[in-house]
């Protein structure tokens, strides 16, 4: 009895050609030559008795039969990938690669201590970490998960809350010796404020304050406008250039060693949430699931 699926390499060639757009690009991806892939598609078409692709010197298009076959082939490869992911780590150590994106604030000041136990427990798992001030597209950019700031829109993604991070107003002792210490919000408006411009909107992020028990989104009058890296406002404040609002977890070490001083604590009490997000239906390896459960345990159980 012959092998029933000895043509799987030909199927993979067809799917890769369609995904890459050209036979040449598919050949590079699969580490072979265009002529080998052309013969693979010809064999597959002969086996099926239908034409899957139309090929000219200028373009490549998929026939209606090719589209139907492509959909089913992708589904079949997906089921195989699911089976492999499902058994990863069963009866042995977890392995594989997990891609994670985080903003600079969390990536520098919170995430390392969350990752360490996981990395020590699973030495064969490689974590590819991107720390940047932008929201990546999980699917298009191939990330398994990301840490996001703020209340999340209903995007169809799963979100696990990491924490509500408290905010505080800070300045350097040198700045306060020169400019004086503000005693209330009115005096604060006369100081050199260092607000941040949100990359997603191009607008200045308001300072989140609590005034007489009310939540106030205060548009700090800017002495400087900083964009791209939100940690820059803390660096500027530390060098005596003005007042900034930041997360307490970012400022706490500098507050402890006297590099920064907290201002107007009576205006504190506001926070911003950080969450771990991931696609609910995306095929997920055992390593990915383990990392999610490690850094963001499900609080619903």
Protein backbone atom coordinates (compact mmCIF):
# COMPACT_ATOMS: atom_id res chain seq x y z
CA UNK A 1 0.00 0.00 0.00
CA UNK A 2 1.43 3.38 -1.03
CA UNK A 3 1.78 6.37 1.23
CA UNK A 4 -1.44 8.36 1.27
CA UNK A 5 0.09 11.78 1.90
CA UNK A 6 3.45 11.60 0.15
CA UNK A 7 2.52 14.80 -1.71
CA UNK A 8 2.50 17.09 1.33
CA UNK A 9 5.72 18.82 0.20
CA UNK A 10 3.94 19.75 -3.03
CA UNK A 11 1.00 21.15 -1.06
CA UNK A 12 3.38 23.21 1.09
CA UNK A 13 5.02 24.53 -2.08
CA UNK A 14 1.65 25.65 -3.47
CA UNK A 15 0.59 27.37 -0.21
CA UNK A 16 3.95 29.12 0.15
CA UNK A 17 3.88 30.41 -3.43
CA UNK A 18 0.45 31.95 -2.86
CA UNK A 19 1.46 33.41 0.51
CA UNK A 20 4.69 34.93 -0.84
CA UNK A 21 3.16 36.15 -4.09
CA UNK A 22 5.82 34.81 -6.44
CA UNK A 23 7.57 31.51 -7.08
CA UNK A 24 10.95 33.20 -6.60
CA UNK A 25 10.02 34.55 -3.15
CA UNK A 26 8.61 31.16 -2.14
CA UNK A 27 11.83 29.47 -3.27
CA UNK A 28 13.85 31.77 -1.01
CA UNK A 29 11.51 31.06 1.93
CA UNK A 30 11.73 27.29 1.45
CA UNK A 31 15.43 27.22 0.62
CA UNK A 32 15.01 25.73 -2.84
CA UNK A 33 14.81 26.86 -6.47
CA UNK A 34 11.89 28.21 -8.54
CA UNK A 35 12.11 25.29 -10.96
CA UNK A 36 11.70 22.78 -8.11
CA UNK A 37 8.57 24.60 -6.91
CA UNK A 38 7.15 24.83 -10.43
CA UNK A 39 7.47 21.08 -10.81
CA UNK A 40 5.88 20.57 -7.36
CA UNK A 41 2.80 22.58 -8.36
CA UNK A 42 2.60 20.76 -11.70
CA UNK A 43 2.64 17.39 -9.88
CA UNK A 44 -0.07 18.57 -7.50
CA UNK A 45 -2.27 19.78 -10.35
CA UNK A 46 -1.80 16.49 -12.14
CA UNK A 47 -2.75 14.59 -8.99
CA UNK A 48 -5.89 16.68 -8.45
CA UNK A 49 -6.84 16.95 -12.11
CA UNK A 50 -7.44 20.70 -11.90
CA UNK A 51 -5.46 23.87 -12.54
CA UNK A 52 -4.58 25.63 -9.28
CA UNK A 53 -2.69 28.65 -10.61
CA UNK A 54 -2.36 30.64 -13.80
CA UNK A 55 1.22 31.64 -14.43
CA UNK A 56 2.42 34.25 -16.93
CA UNK A 57 5.71 36.08 -17.25
CA UNK A 58 4.26 39.05 -15.38
CA UNK A 59 1.85 37.75 -12.80
CA UNK A 60 0.53 34.76 -10.91
CA UNK A 61 -3.13 34.23 -10.05
CA UNK A 62 -5.07 31.52 -8.26
CA UNK A 63 -8.00 29.81 -9.96
CA UNK A 64 -11.34 29.28 -8.25
CA UNK A 65 -10.41 25.62 -7.67
CA UNK A 66 -7.06 26.81 -6.34
CA UNK A 67 -8.73 29.13 -3.83
CA UNK A 68 -10.94 26.30 -2.53
CA UNK A 69 -7.97 23.96 -2.22
CA UNK A 70 -5.82 26.67 -0.61
CA UNK A 71 -8.40 27.30 2.11
CA UNK A 72 -8.62 23.61 3.00
CA UNK A 73 -4.83 23.14 2.83
CA UNK A 74 -4.23 26.05 5.20
CA UNK A 75 -6.81 24.62 7.57
CA UNK A 76 -5.12 21.21 7.48
CA UNK A 77 -1.68 22.69 8.17
CA UNK A 78 -3.24 24.69 10.98
CA UNK A 79 -4.61 21.53 12.59
CA UNK A 80 -1.17 19.93 12.42
CA UNK A 81 0.37 23.02 14.01
CA UNK A 82 -2.30 22.92 16.73
CA UNK A 83 -1.46 19.30 17.49
CA UNK A 84 2.24 20.10 17.79
CA UNK A 85 1.60 23.09 20.05
CA UNK A 86 -0.79 21.09 22.22
CA UNK A 87 1.83 18.50 23.11
CA UNK A 88 4.76 20.87 23.56
CA UNK A 89 5.93 20.48 27.11
CA UNK A 90 3.97 17.30 27.72
CA UNK A 91 6.24 14.90 29.54
CA UNK A 92 9.24 17.21 29.26
CA UNK A 93 10.53 20.75 29.49
CA UNK A 94 8.79 23.59 27.73
CA UNK A 95 10.62 24.93 24.71
CA UNK A 96 10.04 27.30 21.84
CA UNK A 97 9.91 31.06 21.30
CA UNK A 98 7.46 33.60 22.70
CA UNK A 99 7.22 37.11 21.22
CA UNK A 100 6.17 39.84 23.65
CA UNK A 101 5.84 43.62 23.23
CA UNK A 102 5.89 46.08 26.15
CA UNK A 103 6.00 49.88 26.59
CA UNK A 104 9.18 51.43 27.97
CA UNK A 105 7.74 52.21 31.40
CA UNK A 106 6.63 48.66 32.08
CA UNK A 107 9.45 47.08 30.10
CA UNK A 108 12.15 48.73 32.23
CA UNK A 109 10.53 48.98 35.65
CA UNK A 110 8.03 46.14 36.07
CA UNK A 111 8.40 43.40 33.50
CA UNK A 112 11.93 42.16 34.39
CA UNK A 113 10.83 41.07 37.87
CA UNK A 114 7.77 39.37 36.37
CA UNK A 115 9.82 37.53 33.74
CA UNK A 116 12.59 36.28 36.00
CA UNK A 117 10.68 33.42 37.70
CA UNK A 118 9.40 32.18 34.33
CA UNK A 119 12.83 32.32 32.69
CA UNK A 120 14.41 30.43 35.60
CA UNK A 121 11.66 27.80 35.54
CA UNK A 122 11.77 27.27 31.75
CA UNK A 123 15.39 27.58 30.55
CA UNK A 124 14.61 26.22 27.07
CA UNK A 125 12.03 28.92 26.26
CA UNK A 126 13.34 31.95 24.34
CA UNK A 127 11.45 35.21 24.94
CA UNK A 128 11.77 37.77 22.14
CA UNK A 129 10.97 41.05 23.89
CA UNK A 130 10.34 44.35 22.12
CA UNK A 131 10.35 47.42 24.38
CA UNK A 132 8.96 50.43 22.51
CA UNK A 133 6.41 53.22 22.80
CA UNK A 134 4.00 52.00 20.16
CA UNK A 135 1.13 49.58 19.98
CA UNK A 136 2.14 46.64 17.82
CA UNK A 137 -0.34 44.72 15.69
CA UNK A 138 -0.29 41.27 17.25
CA UNK A 139 -1.36 39.37 14.14
CA UNK A 140 0.32 41.37 11.38
CA UNK A 141 3.62 41.68 13.23
CA UNK A 142 3.65 38.16 14.61
CA UNK A 143 3.54 38.90 18.34
CA UNK A 144 2.04 36.37 20.73
CA UNK A 145 1.11 38.96 23.36
CA UNK A 146 1.63 42.59 24.37
CA UNK A 147 1.39 44.78 27.44
CA UNK A 148 -0.85 47.79 26.93
CA UNK A 149 -1.60 50.92 28.92
CA UNK A 150 -5.03 52.34 29.55
CA UNK A 151 -8.59 51.16 29.27
CA UNK A 152 -8.74 48.90 26.24
CA UNK A 153 -11.28 49.26 23.46
CA UNK A 154 -13.38 46.23 22.62
CA UNK A 155 -10.99 44.87 20.01
CA UNK A 156 -11.81 41.19 20.35
CA UNK A 157 -8.56 40.60 22.25
CA UNK A 158 -8.33 38.95 25.65
CA UNK A 159 -7.00 41.28 28.36
CA UNK A 160 -5.67 40.33 31.78
CA UNK A 161 -5.16 43.23 34.16
CA UNK A 162 -1.62 43.46 35.52
CA UNK A 163 -2.09 46.41 37.85
CA UNK A 164 -3.49 49.90 38.31
CA UNK A 165 -0.31 51.96 38.47
CA UNK A 166 -0.41 54.97 40.81
CA UNK A 167 0.72 58.36 39.50
CA UNK A 168 2.64 61.15 41.23
CA UNK A 169 4.02 64.64 40.55
CA UNK A 170 7.78 65.05 40.95
CA UNK A 171 10.60 67.56 40.50
CA UNK A 172 14.29 67.77 41.35
CA UNK A 173 15.46 69.54 44.55
CA UNK A 174 17.59 71.88 42.43
CA UNK A 175 14.57 72.99 40.42
CA UNK A 176 12.54 73.61 43.57
CA UNK A 177 15.35 75.70 45.09
CA UNK A 178 15.27 77.92 42.00
CA UNK A 179 11.55 78.00 41.24
CA UNK A 180 9.98 77.38 44.65
CA UNK A 181 7.61 74.61 45.68
CA UNK A 182 4.03 74.90 44.38
CA UNK A 183 1.43 74.87 47.17
CA UNK A 184 -1.67 74.24 45.07
CA UNK A 185 -2.89 73.70 41.51
CA UNK A 186 -2.96 77.42 40.79
CA UNK A 187 0.73 77.77 41.65
CA UNK A 188 1.55 74.57 39.76
CA UNK A 189 0.22 76.22 36.59
CA UNK A 190 2.99 78.81 36.87
CA UNK A 191 5.79 76.21 36.91
CA UNK A 192 7.80 74.63 34.11
CA UNK A 193 5.58 71.64 33.32
CA UNK A 194 6.86 68.72 31.26
CA UNK A 195 3.86 66.97 29.65
CA UNK A 196 4.08 64.13 27.13
CA UNK A 197 2.66 64.03 23.61
CA UNK A 198 0.85 60.76 22.93
CA UNK A 199 2.24 59.05 19.81
CA UNK A 200 -1.13 57.50 18.97
CA UNK A 201 -2.95 60.86 18.76
CA UNK A 202 -0.29 63.58 18.58
CA UNK A 203 -2.06 65.31 21.47
CA UNK A 204 -0.73 66.25 24.86
CA UNK A 205 -1.61 63.73 27.54
CA UNK A 206 -3.42 65.45 30.44
CA UNK A 207 -2.15 64.99 33.98
CA UNK A 208 -4.57 62.86 35.97
CA UNK A 209 -5.23 64.58 39.29
CA UNK A 210 -7.72 64.29 42.13
CA UNK A 211 -8.91 67.70 43.29
CA UNK A 212 -11.22 67.87 46.33
CA UNK A 213 -12.28 64.27 45.73
CA UNK A 214 -12.98 64.82 42.02
CA UNK A 215 -11.03 63.28 39.16
CA UNK A 216 -9.60 66.06 37.00
CA UNK A 217 -7.79 65.63 33.67
CA UNK A 218 -5.56 68.69 33.85
CA UNK A 219 -3.90 70.12 30.69
CA UNK A 220 -0.51 71.06 32.14
CA UNK A 221 0.81 74.28 30.51
CA UNK A 222 3.95 73.06 28.72
CA UNK A 223 7.43 74.51 29.23
CA UNK A 224 8.69 71.72 26.96
CA UNK A 225 6.80 69.23 24.84
CA UNK A 226 8.25 65.71 24.76
CA UNK A 227 7.27 62.98 22.31
CA UNK A 228 8.06 59.31 21.59
CA UNK A 229 9.66 58.21 24.90
CA UNK A 230 7.55 58.91 27.97
CA UNK A 231 10.48 58.13 30.29
CA UNK A 232 12.12 61.27 28.92
CA UNK A 233 9.93 63.49 31.11
CA UNK A 234 11.42 61.84 34.20
CA UNK A 235 14.99 62.35 32.91
CA UNK A 236 14.26 66.01 32.21
CA UNK A 237 12.70 66.53 35.63
CA UNK A 238 15.64 64.83 37.33
CA UNK A 239 17.99 67.30 35.63
CA UNK A 240 16.05 70.23 37.07
CA UNK A 241 14.12 71.26 33.97
CA UNK A 242 10.68 71.21 35.56
CA UNK A 243 7.80 69.19 36.99
CA UNK A 244 6.43 65.98 35.53
CA UNK A 245 3.80 63.38 36.29
CA UNK A 246 4.92 59.77 36.17
CA UNK A 247 4.16 56.38 37.65
CA UNK A 248 5.17 55.92 41.26
CA UNK A 249 6.96 52.67 40.33
CA UNK A 250 9.18 54.70 37.96
CA UNK A 251 9.94 57.44 40.49
CA UNK A 252 10.17 55.50 43.76
CA UNK A 253 13.93 54.80 43.67
CA UNK A 254 14.71 58.44 42.81
CA UNK A 255 12.33 59.60 45.53
CA UNK A 256 14.10 57.32 47.98
CA UNK A 257 17.60 58.61 47.19
CA UNK A 258 16.60 62.27 47.00
CA UNK A 259 17.05 62.80 43.25
CA UNK A 260 13.35 63.68 43.00
CA UNK A 261 10.82 65.16 45.41
CA UNK A 262 7.10 64.42 45.36
CA UNK A 263 4.86 67.47 44.97
CA UNK A 264 1.29 68.09 46.03
CA UNK A 265 0.48 64.57 47.27
CA UNK A 266 -3.04 65.78 48.03
CA UNK A 267 -3.61 65.84 44.26
CA UNK A 268 -2.62 62.18 43.96
CA UNK A 269 -4.93 59.17 43.95
CA UNK A 270 -5.30 58.60 40.21
CA UNK A 271 -3.83 55.64 38.34
CA UNK A 272 -3.60 54.07 34.90
CA UNK A 273 -4.15 50.37 34.20
CA UNK A 274 -1.65 48.05 32.51
CA UNK A 275 -2.95 44.84 30.90
CA UNK A 276 -1.54 41.83 29.09
CA UNK A 277 -3.41 41.23 25.82
CA UNK A 278 -3.47 38.34 23.37
CA UNK A 279 -5.70 37.00 20.61
CA UNK A 280 -8.30 34.56 21.98
CA UNK A 281 -8.45 32.21 18.99
CA UNK A 282 -4.85 32.32 17.86
CA UNK A 283 -3.01 29.01 17.98
CA UNK A 284 -0.95 29.28 21.13
CA UNK A 285 1.98 27.14 22.23
CA UNK A 286 2.30 25.68 25.69
CA UNK A 287 5.16 28.13 26.30
CA UNK A 288 2.89 31.07 25.51
CA UNK A 289 0.15 29.81 27.79
CA UNK A 290 2.67 29.24 30.58
CA UNK A 291 4.07 32.77 30.25
CA UNK A 292 0.59 34.31 30.35
CA UNK A 293 -0.27 32.37 33.49
CA UNK A 294 3.07 33.30 35.05
CA UNK A 295 2.98 37.08 34.61
CA UNK A 296 -0.81 37.61 34.59
CA UNK A 297 -2.59 34.84 36.55
CA UNK A 298 -6.31 34.57 35.80
CA UNK A 299 -8.03 36.28 38.74
CA UNK A 300 -11.43 34.83 37.86
CA UNK A 301 -10.66 31.41 39.37
